[in-house]
N, C-alpha and C. Protein backbone atom coordinates (compact mmCIF):
# COMPACT_ATOMS: atom_id res chain seq x y z
N MET A 1 75.47 101.20 133.12
CA MET A 1 75.33 100.99 131.77
C MET A 1 74.96 102.17 131.10
N LYS A 2 73.95 102.94 131.63
CA LYS A 2 73.33 104.16 130.99
C LYS A 2 74.44 105.10 130.83
N PHE A 3 75.33 105.30 131.78
CA PHE A 3 76.41 106.19 131.75
C PHE A 3 77.39 105.92 130.46
N GLN A 4 77.73 104.74 130.22
CA GLN A 4 78.54 104.31 129.19
C GLN A 4 77.84 104.57 127.77
N PHE A 5 76.71 104.25 127.63
CA PHE A 5 75.82 104.44 126.56
C PHE A 5 75.76 105.92 126.19
N PHE A 6 75.40 106.75 127.22
CA PHE A 6 75.29 108.22 126.89
C PHE A 6 76.63 108.85 126.59
N THR A 7 77.77 108.35 127.32
CA THR A 7 79.12 108.86 126.93
C THR A 7 79.40 108.54 125.55
N PHE A 8 79.10 107.30 125.09
CA PHE A 8 79.55 107.01 123.72
C PHE A 8 78.58 107.86 122.74
N LEU A 9 77.33 107.90 123.03
CA LEU A 9 76.41 108.63 122.21
C LEU A 9 76.95 110.11 122.13
N PHE A 10 77.27 110.75 123.29
CA PHE A 10 77.80 112.08 123.22
C PHE A 10 79.03 112.27 122.27
N THR A 11 79.91 111.35 122.36
CA THR A 11 81.07 111.35 121.49
C THR A 11 80.71 111.25 120.07
N LEU A 12 79.78 110.32 119.81
CA LEU A 12 79.37 110.18 118.43
C LEU A 12 78.73 111.50 117.88
N VAL A 13 77.91 112.14 118.58
CA VAL A 13 77.34 113.41 118.20
C VAL A 13 78.32 114.51 118.01
N PHE A 14 79.25 114.57 118.94
CA PHE A 14 80.33 115.48 118.82
C PHE A 14 81.17 115.32 117.61
N LEU A 15 81.56 114.07 117.29
CA LEU A 15 82.35 113.78 116.14
C LEU A 15 81.70 114.15 114.84
N VAL A 16 80.42 113.76 114.76
CA VAL A 16 79.66 114.12 113.40
C VAL A 16 79.47 115.63 113.32
N THR A 17 79.11 116.25 114.46
CA THR A 17 78.90 117.74 114.43
C THR A 17 80.19 118.45 113.99
N SER A 18 81.33 118.04 114.69
CA SER A 18 82.52 118.76 114.39
C SER A 18 82.96 118.45 112.96
N ALA A 19 82.65 117.34 112.47
CA ALA A 19 83.17 116.99 111.05
C ALA A 19 82.31 117.94 110.12
N LYS A 20 81.02 118.04 110.38
CA LYS A 20 80.25 119.00 109.52
C LYS A 20 80.67 120.43 109.58
N ALA A 21 81.19 120.83 110.78
CA ALA A 21 81.59 122.24 110.97
C ALA A 21 82.76 122.62 110.19
N ASN A 22 83.59 121.74 109.79
CA ASN A 22 84.92 121.96 109.15
C ASN A 22 84.58 122.13 107.69
N GLU A 23 85.20 123.18 107.08
CA GLU A 23 84.97 123.42 105.65
C GLU A 23 85.85 122.44 104.76
N GLY A 24 86.95 121.90 105.33
CA GLY A 24 87.83 121.03 104.60
C GLY A 24 87.30 119.59 104.54
N GLU A 25 88.02 118.74 104.05
CA GLU A 25 87.70 117.42 103.82
C GLU A 25 87.79 116.69 105.14
N THR A 26 86.79 115.86 105.47
CA THR A 26 86.85 115.11 106.67
C THR A 26 86.59 113.65 106.34
N ASP A 27 87.03 112.68 107.26
CA ASP A 27 87.04 111.29 107.08
C ASP A 27 86.27 110.67 108.26
N ILE A 28 85.11 110.03 108.08
CA ILE A 28 84.40 109.39 109.16
C ILE A 28 84.52 107.96 108.81
N SER A 29 84.81 107.09 109.97
CA SER A 29 85.03 105.67 109.84
C SER A 29 83.94 104.97 110.78
N PHE A 30 83.34 103.95 110.40
CA PHE A 30 82.58 103.15 111.25
C PHE A 30 83.18 101.79 111.23
N TYR A 31 83.36 101.11 112.39
CA TYR A 31 83.92 99.83 112.39
C TYR A 31 83.18 98.91 113.41
N THR A 32 83.32 97.59 113.11
CA THR A 32 82.78 96.52 114.06
C THR A 32 83.66 95.35 114.02
N GLY A 33 83.78 94.64 115.11
CA GLY A 33 84.62 93.50 115.16
C GLY A 33 84.56 92.85 116.55
N THR A 34 85.76 92.30 116.91
CA THR A 34 85.80 91.48 118.18
C THR A 34 86.73 92.13 119.16
N PHE A 35 86.22 92.23 120.38
CA PHE A 35 87.06 92.81 121.49
C PHE A 35 87.60 91.66 122.30
N ASP A 36 88.90 91.64 122.52
CA ASP A 36 89.59 90.64 123.37
C ASP A 36 89.69 89.32 122.50
N VAL A 37 90.12 89.43 121.27
CA VAL A 37 90.06 88.29 120.28
C VAL A 37 90.97 87.07 120.81
N ILE A 38 92.01 87.38 121.62
CA ILE A 38 92.87 86.24 122.07
C ILE A 38 92.52 85.92 123.55
N ASP A 39 91.35 85.96 123.97
CA ASP A 39 90.97 85.69 125.32
C ASP A 39 90.97 84.10 125.43
N GLU A 40 91.91 83.48 126.25
CA GLU A 40 92.13 82.15 126.32
C GLU A 40 90.80 81.45 127.06
N GLU A 41 90.26 82.22 127.90
CA GLU A 41 89.07 81.61 128.75
C GLU A 41 87.78 81.89 127.90
N GLY A 42 87.78 82.93 127.03
CA GLY A 42 86.58 83.24 126.36
C GLY A 42 85.54 84.01 127.11
N ASP A 43 85.73 84.36 128.27
CA ASP A 43 84.79 84.96 129.10
C ASP A 43 84.60 86.50 128.82
N ASP A 44 85.66 87.03 128.43
CA ASP A 44 85.78 88.58 128.14
C ASP A 44 85.56 88.93 126.61
N GLN A 45 85.56 87.90 125.75
CA GLN A 45 85.45 88.15 124.33
C GLN A 45 84.09 88.64 124.01
N THR A 46 83.92 89.69 123.27
CA THR A 46 82.54 90.29 122.87
C THR A 46 82.73 91.01 121.67
N SER A 47 81.71 91.58 121.15
CA SER A 47 81.63 92.39 119.91
C SER A 47 81.99 93.82 120.30
N LEU A 48 82.30 94.59 119.36
CA LEU A 48 82.55 96.04 119.50
C LEU A 48 82.05 96.80 118.24
N PHE A 49 81.58 97.99 118.58
CA PHE A 49 81.22 98.88 117.43
C PHE A 49 81.83 100.30 117.87
N GLY A 50 82.41 100.95 116.68
CA GLY A 50 83.00 102.19 116.98
C GLY A 50 82.86 103.12 115.76
N ILE A 51 83.30 104.44 116.08
CA ILE A 51 83.36 105.47 115.01
C ILE A 51 84.71 106.29 115.27
N GLU A 52 85.21 106.70 114.10
CA GLU A 52 86.41 107.47 114.20
C GLU A 52 86.36 108.67 113.26
N HIS A 53 87.00 109.71 113.62
CA HIS A 53 87.09 111.01 112.82
C HIS A 53 88.50 111.38 112.48
N LYS A 54 88.74 111.73 111.14
CA LYS A 54 90.03 112.28 110.79
C LYS A 54 89.83 113.55 109.98
N ASN A 55 90.61 114.63 110.23
CA ASN A 55 90.43 115.82 109.50
C ASN A 55 91.58 116.00 108.59
N SER A 56 91.35 115.97 107.37
CA SER A 56 92.58 116.03 106.36
C SER A 56 93.06 117.46 106.35
N ASP A 57 92.56 118.48 106.86
CA ASP A 57 93.11 119.80 106.98
C ASP A 57 94.31 119.79 107.88
N LEU A 58 94.34 118.82 108.82
CA LEU A 58 95.49 118.58 109.83
C LEU A 58 96.52 117.62 109.39
N PHE A 59 96.42 117.18 108.21
CA PHE A 59 97.33 116.22 107.62
C PHE A 59 98.77 116.83 107.45
N ARG A 60 99.72 116.16 107.89
CA ARG A 60 101.20 116.68 107.75
C ARG A 60 102.01 115.69 107.02
N ASP A 61 102.74 116.11 106.04
CA ASP A 61 103.74 115.22 105.32
C ASP A 61 105.07 115.43 105.93
N THR A 62 105.68 114.54 106.63
CA THR A 62 106.96 114.75 107.29
C THR A 62 108.01 113.78 106.75
N LEU A 63 109.23 113.88 107.29
CA LEU A 63 110.32 112.96 106.83
C LEU A 63 110.00 111.45 107.11
N LEU A 64 109.26 111.30 108.18
CA LEU A 64 108.80 109.94 108.60
C LEU A 64 107.62 109.40 107.93
N GLY A 65 106.94 110.16 107.12
CA GLY A 65 105.76 109.81 106.56
C GLY A 65 104.63 110.76 106.69
N LYS A 66 103.52 110.37 106.27
CA LYS A 66 102.21 111.28 106.36
C LYS A 66 101.43 110.94 107.65
N PHE A 67 101.08 111.97 108.37
CA PHE A 67 100.43 111.86 109.68
C PHE A 67 99.20 112.82 109.76
N LYS A 68 98.23 112.32 110.57
CA LYS A 68 97.09 113.14 110.82
C LYS A 68 96.44 112.75 112.13
N PRO A 69 95.82 113.65 112.84
CA PRO A 69 95.19 113.25 114.24
C PRO A 69 93.96 112.47 113.98
N ILE A 70 93.62 111.61 114.91
CA ILE A 70 92.45 110.75 114.90
C ILE A 70 91.70 110.96 116.22
N THR A 71 90.36 110.96 116.20
CA THR A 71 89.61 110.89 117.45
C THR A 71 88.57 109.90 117.33
N GLY A 72 88.17 109.11 118.31
CA GLY A 72 87.22 108.13 118.15
C GLY A 72 86.86 107.56 119.43
N GLY A 73 85.94 106.50 119.32
CA GLY A 73 85.41 105.62 120.46
C GLY A 73 84.75 104.49 120.08
N PHE A 74 84.74 103.53 120.91
CA PHE A 74 83.92 102.36 120.69
C PHE A 74 83.32 101.82 121.88
N ILE A 75 82.24 101.06 121.70
CA ILE A 75 81.44 100.39 122.90
C ILE A 75 81.49 98.94 122.61
N THR A 76 81.53 98.11 123.59
CA THR A 76 81.55 96.69 123.52
C THR A 76 80.21 96.16 123.71
N GLY A 77 79.88 94.89 123.46
CA GLY A 77 78.76 94.22 123.79
C GLY A 77 78.56 94.13 125.32
N ASP A 78 79.61 94.35 126.10
CA ASP A 78 79.55 94.23 127.56
C ASP A 78 79.48 95.59 128.21
N SER A 79 79.17 96.64 127.39
CA SER A 79 79.09 98.03 127.76
C SER A 79 80.30 98.75 128.20
N SER A 80 81.53 98.12 127.83
CA SER A 80 82.79 98.75 128.00
C SER A 80 82.92 99.99 126.96
N VAL A 81 83.49 101.06 127.39
CA VAL A 81 83.56 102.23 126.46
C VAL A 81 85.12 102.63 126.42
N TYR A 82 85.60 102.96 125.23
CA TYR A 82 86.94 103.43 125.10
C TYR A 82 86.87 104.67 124.21
N LEU A 83 87.27 105.87 124.71
CA LEU A 83 87.25 107.19 123.94
C LEU A 83 88.78 107.49 123.82
N TYR A 84 89.18 107.85 122.55
CA TYR A 84 90.66 108.07 122.32
C TYR A 84 90.84 109.27 121.40
N THR A 85 92.08 109.71 121.42
CA THR A 85 92.52 110.69 120.42
C THR A 85 94.02 110.48 120.38
N GLY A 86 94.56 110.56 119.03
CA GLY A 86 95.95 110.24 118.86
C GLY A 86 96.35 110.65 117.44
N ILE A 87 97.30 109.82 116.86
CA ILE A 87 97.87 110.17 115.68
C ILE A 87 97.92 108.91 114.76
N GLU A 88 97.76 109.09 113.40
CA GLU A 88 97.84 107.93 112.48
C GLU A 88 98.80 108.31 111.37
N GLY A 89 99.61 107.31 111.01
CA GLY A 89 100.44 107.50 109.84
C GLY A 89 99.86 106.81 108.66
N GLN A 90 100.35 107.23 107.44
CA GLN A 90 99.75 106.67 106.25
C GLN A 90 100.84 106.41 105.34
N TYR A 91 100.91 105.17 104.84
CA TYR A 91 101.93 104.69 103.89
C TYR A 91 101.22 103.93 102.78
N GLY A 92 101.55 104.15 101.57
CA GLY A 92 100.80 103.54 100.45
C GLY A 92 101.66 102.60 99.60
N ILE A 93 101.16 101.59 99.17
CA ILE A 93 101.73 100.59 98.25
C ILE A 93 100.69 100.42 97.22
N GLY A 94 100.70 101.26 96.09
CA GLY A 94 99.57 101.10 95.06
C GLY A 94 98.26 101.49 95.72
N PRO A 95 97.31 100.69 95.51
CA PRO A 95 95.91 100.97 96.12
C PRO A 95 95.80 100.51 97.61
N ILE A 96 96.88 99.88 98.13
CA ILE A 96 96.85 99.49 99.54
C ILE A 96 97.39 100.50 100.36
N LYS A 97 96.77 100.79 101.42
CA LYS A 97 97.13 101.76 102.41
C LYS A 97 97.52 101.09 103.76
N ILE A 98 98.58 101.42 104.37
CA ILE A 98 99.07 100.79 105.69
C ILE A 98 98.99 101.99 106.55
N LEU A 99 98.19 101.84 107.60
CA LEU A 99 97.88 102.98 108.57
C LEU A 99 98.13 102.61 110.05
N PRO A 100 99.38 102.79 110.56
CA PRO A 100 99.62 102.47 111.91
C PRO A 100 99.22 103.72 112.73
N SER A 101 98.75 103.42 114.01
CA SER A 101 98.30 104.57 114.89
C SER A 101 98.63 104.26 116.29
N PHE A 102 98.71 105.38 117.11
CA PHE A 102 98.81 105.30 118.48
C PHE A 102 97.94 106.32 119.15
N SER A 103 97.08 105.81 120.12
CA SER A 103 96.09 106.72 120.68
C SER A 103 95.99 106.40 122.24
N PRO A 104 96.26 107.45 123.07
CA PRO A 104 95.82 107.28 124.44
C PRO A 104 94.40 107.57 124.60
N GLY A 105 93.75 107.04 125.69
CA GLY A 105 92.42 107.32 125.82
C GLY A 105 91.78 106.89 127.21
N TYR A 106 90.52 107.14 127.39
CA TYR A 106 89.83 106.94 128.56
C TYR A 106 88.95 105.62 128.35
N TYR A 107 89.14 104.60 129.39
CA TYR A 107 88.45 103.37 129.30
C TYR A 107 87.61 103.20 130.45
N GLU A 108 86.38 102.70 130.28
CA GLU A 108 85.46 102.52 131.39
C GLU A 108 84.91 101.00 131.16
N LYS A 109 85.15 100.18 132.09
CA LYS A 109 84.96 98.70 131.86
C LYS A 109 83.48 98.37 131.74
N GLY A 110 82.55 99.10 132.26
CA GLY A 110 81.11 98.74 132.21
C GLY A 110 80.96 97.35 132.92
N ASP A 111 80.31 96.51 132.15
CA ASP A 111 80.13 95.06 132.63
C ASP A 111 81.23 94.18 132.05
N GLY A 112 82.21 94.68 131.36
CA GLY A 112 83.25 93.95 130.63
C GLY A 112 84.48 93.83 131.34
N LYS A 113 85.58 93.69 130.61
CA LYS A 113 86.97 93.41 131.13
C LYS A 113 87.60 94.55 131.84
N ASP A 114 88.13 94.27 132.94
CA ASP A 114 88.87 95.27 133.81
C ASP A 114 90.26 95.38 133.14
N LEU A 115 90.71 96.43 132.55
CA LEU A 115 92.00 96.60 132.00
C LEU A 115 92.91 97.26 132.98
N GLY A 116 92.49 97.60 134.16
CA GLY A 116 93.44 97.94 135.26
C GLY A 116 93.61 99.44 135.52
N SER A 117 93.07 100.38 134.57
CA SER A 117 93.14 101.70 134.68
C SER A 117 92.28 102.47 133.74
N MET A 118 91.88 103.73 134.06
CA MET A 118 91.11 104.50 133.16
C MET A 118 91.97 104.98 132.00
N LEU A 119 93.21 105.21 132.16
CA LEU A 119 94.07 105.60 131.14
C LEU A 119 94.66 104.34 130.40
N GLU A 120 94.32 104.23 129.22
CA GLU A 120 94.80 103.11 128.36
C GLU A 120 95.31 103.65 127.14
N PHE A 121 96.29 102.83 126.48
CA PHE A 121 96.86 103.16 125.18
C PHE A 121 96.62 102.15 124.09
N LYS A 122 96.16 102.64 122.89
CA LYS A 122 95.88 101.73 121.84
C LYS A 122 96.95 101.92 120.70
N SER A 123 97.51 100.78 120.38
CA SER A 123 98.30 100.68 119.27
C SER A 123 97.63 99.94 118.15
N GLU A 124 97.57 100.34 116.90
CA GLU A 124 96.88 99.68 116.00
C GLU A 124 97.62 99.66 114.54
N ILE A 125 97.38 98.67 113.82
CA ILE A 125 97.79 98.62 112.47
C ILE A 125 96.62 98.30 111.52
N LYS A 126 96.40 99.13 110.57
CA LYS A 126 95.24 98.96 109.65
C LYS A 126 95.72 98.86 108.22
N ILE A 127 95.18 97.92 107.57
CA ILE A 127 95.51 97.75 106.06
C ILE A 127 94.18 98.05 105.36
N GLY A 128 94.30 99.02 104.47
CA GLY A 128 92.97 99.46 103.76
C GLY A 128 93.14 99.34 102.21
N PHE A 129 92.01 99.25 101.59
CA PHE A 129 91.84 99.24 100.15
C PHE A 129 90.81 100.33 99.72
N ASP A 130 91.14 101.12 98.71
CA ASP A 130 90.21 102.08 98.15
C ASP A 130 89.18 101.15 97.36
N ILE A 131 87.87 101.36 97.78
CA ILE A 131 86.88 100.46 97.06
C ILE A 131 85.99 101.38 96.14
N PHE A 132 85.71 102.56 96.54
CA PHE A 132 84.97 103.53 95.64
C PHE A 132 85.67 104.90 95.79
N GLU A 133 85.24 105.82 94.99
CA GLU A 133 85.98 107.15 95.10
C GLU A 133 85.64 107.62 96.53
N ASN A 134 86.69 108.04 97.21
CA ASN A 134 86.63 108.57 98.67
C ASN A 134 86.08 107.58 99.68
N SER A 135 86.19 106.33 99.37
CA SER A 135 85.72 105.25 100.38
C SER A 135 86.85 104.23 100.49
N LYS A 136 86.91 103.69 101.67
CA LYS A 136 87.95 102.71 101.90
C LYS A 136 87.44 101.61 102.77
N LEU A 137 87.82 100.37 102.56
CA LEU A 137 87.52 99.23 103.39
C LEU A 137 88.75 98.71 104.08
N SER A 138 88.81 98.49 105.36
CA SER A 138 90.04 98.14 106.04
C SER A 138 89.93 97.11 106.96
N TYR A 139 90.95 96.44 107.33
CA TYR A 139 90.98 95.48 108.43
C TYR A 139 92.07 96.02 109.37
N SER A 140 91.75 95.98 110.66
CA SER A 140 92.56 96.53 111.80
C SER A 140 92.92 95.44 112.90
N TYR A 141 93.91 95.57 113.38
CA TYR A 141 94.29 94.82 114.59
C TYR A 141 94.92 95.76 115.61
N SER A 142 94.39 95.81 116.87
CA SER A 142 94.88 96.74 117.81
C SER A 142 95.15 95.93 119.19
N HIS A 143 95.99 96.68 119.90
CA HIS A 143 96.25 96.22 121.28
C HIS A 143 96.09 97.44 122.25
N ILE A 144 95.27 97.15 123.31
CA ILE A 144 95.08 98.18 124.33
C ILE A 144 95.68 97.69 125.66
N SER A 145 96.42 98.57 126.25
CA SER A 145 97.01 98.29 127.56
C SER A 145 97.37 99.57 128.24
N ASN A 146 97.69 99.46 129.58
CA ASN A 146 98.04 100.74 130.33
C ASN A 146 99.51 100.83 130.67
N ASN A 147 100.41 100.03 130.04
CA ASN A 147 101.80 100.17 130.27
C ASN A 147 102.23 99.97 131.76
N ASP A 148 101.50 99.09 132.44
CA ASP A 148 101.71 98.84 133.73
C ASP A 148 101.61 99.97 134.78
N TRP A 149 100.79 101.00 134.27
CA TRP A 149 100.53 102.17 135.15
C TRP A 149 99.36 101.93 136.02
N GLY A 150 98.54 100.91 135.75
CA GLY A 150 97.41 100.54 136.54
C GLY A 150 97.65 99.53 137.63
N ASP A 151 96.60 99.20 138.28
CA ASP A 151 96.67 98.13 139.34
C ASP A 151 97.01 96.73 138.69
N THR A 152 96.48 96.41 137.52
CA THR A 152 96.91 95.30 136.78
C THR A 152 96.96 95.72 135.23
N ASN A 153 97.50 94.89 134.41
CA ASN A 153 97.65 95.17 133.01
C ASN A 153 97.38 94.05 132.17
N PRO A 154 96.10 93.39 132.04
CA PRO A 154 95.84 92.41 131.36
C PRO A 154 95.87 92.62 129.78
N GLY A 155 95.59 93.87 129.37
CA GLY A 155 95.55 94.19 128.00
C GLY A 155 94.54 93.55 127.35
N THR A 156 94.20 93.90 126.04
CA THR A 156 93.33 93.31 125.15
C THR A 156 93.72 93.49 123.71
N ASP A 157 93.50 92.41 122.85
CA ASP A 157 93.80 92.52 121.52
C ASP A 157 92.44 92.53 120.83
N ASN A 158 92.24 93.33 119.80
CA ASN A 158 91.04 93.56 119.15
C ASN A 158 91.18 93.47 117.66
N GLN A 159 90.23 93.07 116.89
CA GLN A 159 90.25 92.99 115.41
C GLN A 159 88.95 93.61 114.98
N HIS A 160 88.87 94.34 113.84
CA HIS A 160 87.71 94.88 113.27
C HIS A 160 87.84 95.20 111.82
N ILE A 161 86.66 95.35 111.24
CA ILE A 161 86.50 95.78 109.85
C ILE A 161 85.99 97.14 109.82
N THR A 162 86.56 98.09 108.96
CA THR A 162 86.27 99.58 109.05
C THR A 162 85.79 99.98 107.59
N PHE A 163 84.79 100.74 107.60
CA PHE A 163 84.38 101.44 106.38
C PHE A 163 84.56 102.76 106.52
N SER A 164 85.34 103.49 105.73
CA SER A 164 85.61 104.93 105.82
C SER A 164 85.20 105.75 104.58
N LYS A 165 84.68 106.95 104.85
CA LYS A 165 84.15 107.77 103.78
C LYS A 165 84.56 109.11 104.01
N LYS A 166 85.15 109.75 102.82
CA LYS A 166 85.58 111.15 102.88
C LYS A 166 84.43 112.09 102.45
N PHE A 167 84.18 113.11 103.22
CA PHE A 167 83.12 114.15 102.97
C PHE A 167 83.68 115.38 102.59
């Protein structure tokens, strides 16, 4: 359990430090919610808390939409840790932002759910609203699984509320 906590803490410090080091605009998000929300037996369902970093200097406007890299991690109430890096799209409908993302990452089960592999993939859809200048409140739904590359592939579905602030 100590290893998971220190791994998560190290990632948190790294993200905040690298965000301050950039001269451009950076976006830090904090989120909390439910891990394994569709657990039929209820034994693996727990809370989660995470942080995510986005650097607007790396934002790209393409034919398929607007994209930027994301890096983050979360820890669950059962000491599971997921550290990830990937890409997020951004599509807007007025004040509403739709943010799909895909992120491969490292998963350590701690005392929580065994997802079958250390390499896991997170697909997420986030719907956000601008609430203040440079601040956003969002709802996210994500699925994490290993694409049958592990010994087992139970996967997990998660939901959370995110607060994002641009600095």
